[in-house]
Protein backbone atom coordinates (compact mmCIF):
# COMPACT_ATOMS: atom_id res chain seq x y z
CA UNK A 1 0.08 0.00 0.04
CA UNK A 2 1.17 3.46 -0.71
CA UNK A 3 1.50 6.69 1.41
CA UNK A 4 0.41 9.53 -0.71
CA UNK A 5 1.79 13.12 -0.65
CA UNK A 6 -0.25 14.88 -3.38
CA UNK A 7 -3.89 14.77 -4.01
CA UNK A 8 -4.93 16.11 -7.36
CA UNK A 9 -8.78 16.84 -7.73
CA UNK A 10 -10.80 17.34 -10.88
CA UNK A 11 -13.18 20.25 -10.53
CA UNK A 12 -16.52 19.89 -12.28
CA UNK A 13 -18.45 16.86 -11.08
CA UNK A 14 -15.78 16.06 -8.35
CA UNK A 15 -15.64 18.99 -6.01
CA UNK A 16 -18.57 21.33 -7.62
CA UNK A 17 -21.96 20.22 -8.59
CA UNK A 18 -21.66 22.12 -11.98
CA UNK A 19 -23.31 19.71 -14.32
CA UNK A 20 -26.70 21.36 -14.55
CA UNK A 21 -24.92 24.62 -15.29
CA UNK A 22 -22.55 22.98 -17.85
CA UNK A 23 -25.60 21.49 -19.65
CA UNK A 24 -27.73 24.68 -19.56
CA UNK A 25 -24.93 26.98 -20.70
CA UNK A 26 -24.00 24.42 -23.69
CA UNK A 27 -27.70 24.14 -24.63
CA UNK A 28 -28.14 27.98 -24.77
CA UNK A 29 -24.87 28.34 -26.67
CA UNK A 30 -26.14 25.96 -29.30
CA UNK A 31 -29.19 27.92 -29.67
CA UNK A 32 -27.34 31.10 -29.82
CA UNK A 33 -25.20 29.72 -32.74
CA UNK A 34 -28.09 28.12 -34.62
CA UNK A 35 -26.68 24.66 -33.80
CA UNK A 36 -28.64 21.47 -32.94
CA UNK A 37 -29.38 21.65 -29.21
CA UNK A 38 -27.72 18.55 -27.56
CA UNK A 39 -29.55 16.46 -25.17
CA UNK A 40 -28.60 16.43 -21.46
CA UNK A 41 -26.89 13.13 -21.79
CA UNK A 42 -24.85 14.26 -24.79
CA UNK A 43 -23.36 17.34 -22.77
CA UNK A 44 -22.57 14.91 -19.88
CA UNK A 45 -20.34 12.79 -21.99
CA UNK A 46 -18.15 15.87 -22.77
CA UNK A 47 -17.59 17.00 -19.09
CA UNK A 48 -14.06 16.95 -18.29
CA UNK A 49 -12.72 17.69 -21.74
CA UNK A 50 -11.32 20.95 -22.90
CA UNK A 51 -13.75 23.13 -24.46
CA UNK A 52 -12.44 22.78 -28.03
CA UNK A 53 -12.60 19.01 -27.66
CA UNK A 54 -16.07 19.16 -26.18
CA UNK A 55 -17.53 21.31 -28.75
CA UNK A 56 -15.91 19.31 -31.58
CA UNK A 57 -17.34 16.07 -30.22
CA UNK A 58 -20.82 17.79 -29.79
CA UNK A 59 -20.76 19.55 -33.15
CA UNK A 60 -18.74 17.41 -35.47
CA UNK A 61 -19.97 19.18 -38.54
CA UNK A 62 -18.88 22.77 -37.37
CA UNK A 63 -15.76 24.21 -38.97
CA UNK A 64 -12.97 25.71 -36.92
CA UNK A 65 -14.36 29.25 -36.91
CA UNK A 66 -17.80 27.78 -35.77
CA UNK A 67 -16.22 25.93 -32.81
CA UNK A 68 -14.76 29.23 -31.63
CA UNK A 69 -18.25 31.04 -31.88
CA UNK A 70 -19.88 28.01 -29.88
CA UNK A 71 -17.08 28.45 -27.23
CA UNK A 72 -17.52 32.22 -26.86
CA UNK A 73 -21.23 31.80 -26.61
CA UNK A 74 -20.94 29.21 -23.83
CA UNK A 75 -18.45 31.39 -21.88
CA UNK A 76 -20.87 34.35 -22.23
CA UNK A 77 -23.51 32.23 -20.40
CA UNK A 78 -21.12 30.72 -17.91
CA UNK A 79 -19.65 34.03 -16.93
CA UNK A 80 -22.87 35.89 -16.93
CA UNK A 81 -25.46 35.97 -14.23
CA UNK A 82 -28.46 34.33 -15.78
CA UNK A 83 -27.72 30.80 -14.97
CA UNK A 84 -27.58 30.05 -11.42
CA UNK A 85 -24.05 29.39 -9.88
CA UNK A 86 -23.09 25.99 -8.82
CA UNK A 87 -22.54 24.76 -5.24
CA UNK A 88 -19.63 22.65 -3.93
CA UNK A 89 -20.64 19.05 -3.24
CA UNK A 90 -21.45 18.14 0.30
CA UNK A 91 -18.31 17.76 2.53
CA UNK A 92 -15.96 19.17 -0.22
CA UNK A 93 -14.88 22.17 1.82
CA UNK A 94 -14.51 20.22 4.96
CA UNK A 95 -12.41 17.42 3.18
CA UNK A 96 -10.25 20.02 1.53
CA UNK A 97 -9.58 21.77 4.88
CA UNK A 98 -8.90 18.53 6.65
CA UNK A 99 -6.37 17.41 3.91
CA UNK A 100 -4.52 20.76 4.10
CA UNK A 101 -4.44 20.39 7.93
CA UNK A 102 -3.03 16.77 7.52
CA UNK A 103 -0.04 18.22 5.41
CA UNK A 104 -1.07 17.01 1.99
CA UNK A 105 -0.23 18.93 -1.13
CA UNK A 106 -3.35 19.63 -3.00
CA UNK A 107 -3.86 20.57 -6.66
CA UNK A 108 -6.59 20.81 -9.61
CA UNK A 109 -6.44 19.56 -12.94
CA UNK A 110 -9.46 20.71 -14.96
CA UNK A 111 -11.05 20.83 -18.46
CA UNK A 112 -12.04 24.41 -17.39
CA UNK A 113 -10.32 27.53 -18.78
CA UNK A 114 -8.00 29.51 -16.44
CA UNK A 115 -10.60 32.28 -16.34
CA UNK A 116 -13.47 29.83 -15.55
CA UNK A 117 -11.45 28.00 -12.72
CA UNK A 118 -10.01 31.34 -11.19
CA UNK A 119 -13.85 32.43 -11.00
CA UNK A 120 -15.09 29.28 -9.23
CA UNK A 121 -11.85 29.25 -6.94
CA UNK A 122 -12.82 32.84 -5.73
CA UNK A 123 -16.72 32.12 -5.50
CA UNK A 124 -15.83 28.86 -3.45
CA UNK A 125 -13.16 30.41 -1.24
CA UNK A 126 -10.96 27.61 -1.81
CA UNK A 127 -8.47 29.24 -4.00
CA UNK A 128 -5.58 29.53 -1.54
CA UNK A 129 -6.07 25.82 -0.52
CA UNK A 130 -4.37 24.38 -3.68
CA UNK A 131 -0.62 24.40 -4.10
CA UNK A 132 -1.01 24.20 -7.96
CA UNK A 133 -3.71 24.26 -10.45
CA UNK A 134 -3.71 23.31 -14.36
CA UNK A 135 -6.28 24.26 -16.91
CA UNK A 136 -7.16 22.86 -20.37
CA UNK A 137 -6.08 26.17 -21.93
CA UNK A 138 -2.57 25.76 -20.62
CA UNK A 139 -1.93 21.96 -21.65
CA UNK A 140 -3.44 19.37 -23.73
CA UNK A 141 -6.98 18.17 -22.83
CA UNK A 142 -7.58 15.08 -20.74
CA UNK A 143 -6.86 12.21 -21.08
CA UNK A 144 -3.52 13.51 -22.23
CA UNK A 145 -1.25 13.53 -19.07
CA UNK A 146 0.31 16.93 -19.57
CA UNK A 147 -1.82 18.74 -16.91
CA UNK A 148 -0.89 16.08 -14.34
CA UNK A 149 2.74 15.80 -15.42
CA UNK A 150 3.13 19.69 -14.98
CA UNK A 151 1.56 19.56 -11.61
CA UNK A 152 4.12 16.77 -10.46
CA UNK A 153 6.96 18.85 -11.82
CA UNK A 154 5.77 22.10 -10.16
CA UNK A 155 5.31 20.22 -6.84
CA UNK A 156 8.53 18.21 -7.18
CA UNK A 157 6.47 14.87 -6.65
CA UNK A 158 6.99 11.49 -7.99
CA UNK A 159 4.01 9.87 -9.79
CA UNK A 160 3.98 7.24 -7.22
CA UNK A 161 3.21 9.72 -4.51
CA UNK A 162 0.29 11.25 -6.04
CA UNK A 163 -3.37 10.38 -6.35
CA UNK A 164 -5.88 11.65 -8.85
CA UNK A 165 -9.74 12.11 -7.65
CA UNK A 166 -12.13 12.40 -10.66
CA UNK A 167 -15.64 11.75 -11.90
CA UNK A 168 -14.94 10.89 -15.61
CA UNK A 169 -13.00 8.37 -17.48
CA UNK A 170 -10.92 11.19 -18.89
CA UNK A 171 -9.76 11.64 -15.21
CA UNK A 172 -8.90 7.93 -14.82
CA UNK A 173 -7.06 7.74 -18.24
CA UNK A 174 -5.04 10.83 -17.55
CA UNK A 175 -3.95 9.32 -14.53
CA UNK A 176 -2.94 6.11 -16.05
CA UNK A 177 -1.14 7.90 -18.84
CA UNK A 178 0.90 9.69 -16.24
CA UNK A 179 1.42 6.59 -14.22
CA UNK A 180 -0.50 7.92 -11.27
CA UNK A 181 -2.96 6.16 -9.11
CA UNK A 182 -6.74 7.33 -9.39
CA UNK A 183 -9.91 7.00 -7.39
CA UNK A 184 -13.40 7.68 -8.89
CA UNK A 185 -16.46 9.21 -7.34
CA UNK A 186 -19.75 7.82 -8.23
CA UNK A 187 -22.01 10.95 -8.20
CA UNK A 188 -20.54 12.66 -11.15
CA UNK A 189 -20.85 12.42 -14.94
CA UNK A 190 -19.80 8.87 -15.40
CA UNK A 191 -20.91 5.63 -13.85
CA UNK A 192 -18.80 3.80 -11.22
CA UNK A 193 -18.07 0.74 -13.53
CA UNK A 194 -16.94 3.04 -16.20
CA UNK A 195 -14.46 4.46 -13.90
CA UNK A 196 -13.32 1.14 -12.49
CA UNK A 197 -12.92 -0.16 -16.43
CA UNK A 198 -10.74 2.90 -17.17
CA UNK A 199 -8.38 2.43 -14.11
CA UNK A 200 -9.75 3.62 -10.91
CA UNK A 201 -8.54 1.72 -7.89
CA UNK A 202 -11.88 2.20 -6.29
CA UNK A 203 -14.95 4.35 -6.36
CA UNK A 204 -15.92 6.45 -3.73
CA UNK A 205 -19.69 7.31 -2.77
CA UNK A 206 -18.65 10.77 -1.45
CA UNK A 207 -15.80 12.90 -0.67
CA UNK A 208 -16.08 12.23 2.99
CA UNK A 209 -14.87 8.60 2.39
CA UNK A 210 -11.48 10.00 1.15
CA UNK A 211 -9.60 10.87 4.36
CA UNK A 212 -10.36 7.30 5.88
CA UNK A 213 -9.38 5.70 2.74
CA UNK A 214 -5.92 7.60 2.74
CA UNK A 215 -5.42 6.78 6.39
CA UNK A 216 -6.21 3.15 5.71
CA UNK A 217 -3.41 3.07 2.95
CA UNK A 218 -0.91 4.85 5.23
CA UNK A 219 -1.51 2.52 8.16
CA UNK A 220 -1.35 -0.65 5.89
CA UNK A 221 1.99 0.89 4.23
CA UNK A 222 3.43 1.05 7.72
CA UNK A 223 2.40 -2.41 8.82
CA UNK A 224 3.92 -3.85 5.60
CA UNK A 225 7.31 -2.06 6.18
CA UNK A 226 7.47 -2.99 9.92
């Protein structure tokens, strides 16, 4: 068993309950740009990807300039005040605070843009709890490992000492591509079995299960080395 030093969280669907807002903003962006309006389940499938990958997957017939138009329309709705803001999942703030107090390094690797992440970090009050953050406009989109590899480099942490927490197969695949362990959460965009099939060690039913899981890994590691 391993003793981890760095916990890397996905944001949307893992720490923040933003699914409804993402779906609403994407559907409104489609209407604004005269594109077919995607169904809720179709938008759920692209949560976690960069905006460019997400829009290309949702609207495969749209040319490059049209992709940029959809992205801009989406961002206008996301950064505006018409669509209600998202809330953190239950226990998210307490778990983050507890991990900080326990001495863990914390980071975020997200498909959001830097502008979007900075906005929700400020709104949630959690911005100063994370030692590093990486966004999809700063690196290749998940499941490419660049975001995670950049965080490992920035925090001088080996992949064997890091753990990814996410709600989509893209999080699990990113972790596997960087040779990092990962846990899934079963309340986000992708089902638990899908997370297991793409590399999750285990799937948590809530963030409150994370601290005892980490404690158990540390205890078992100590016992094995004794």
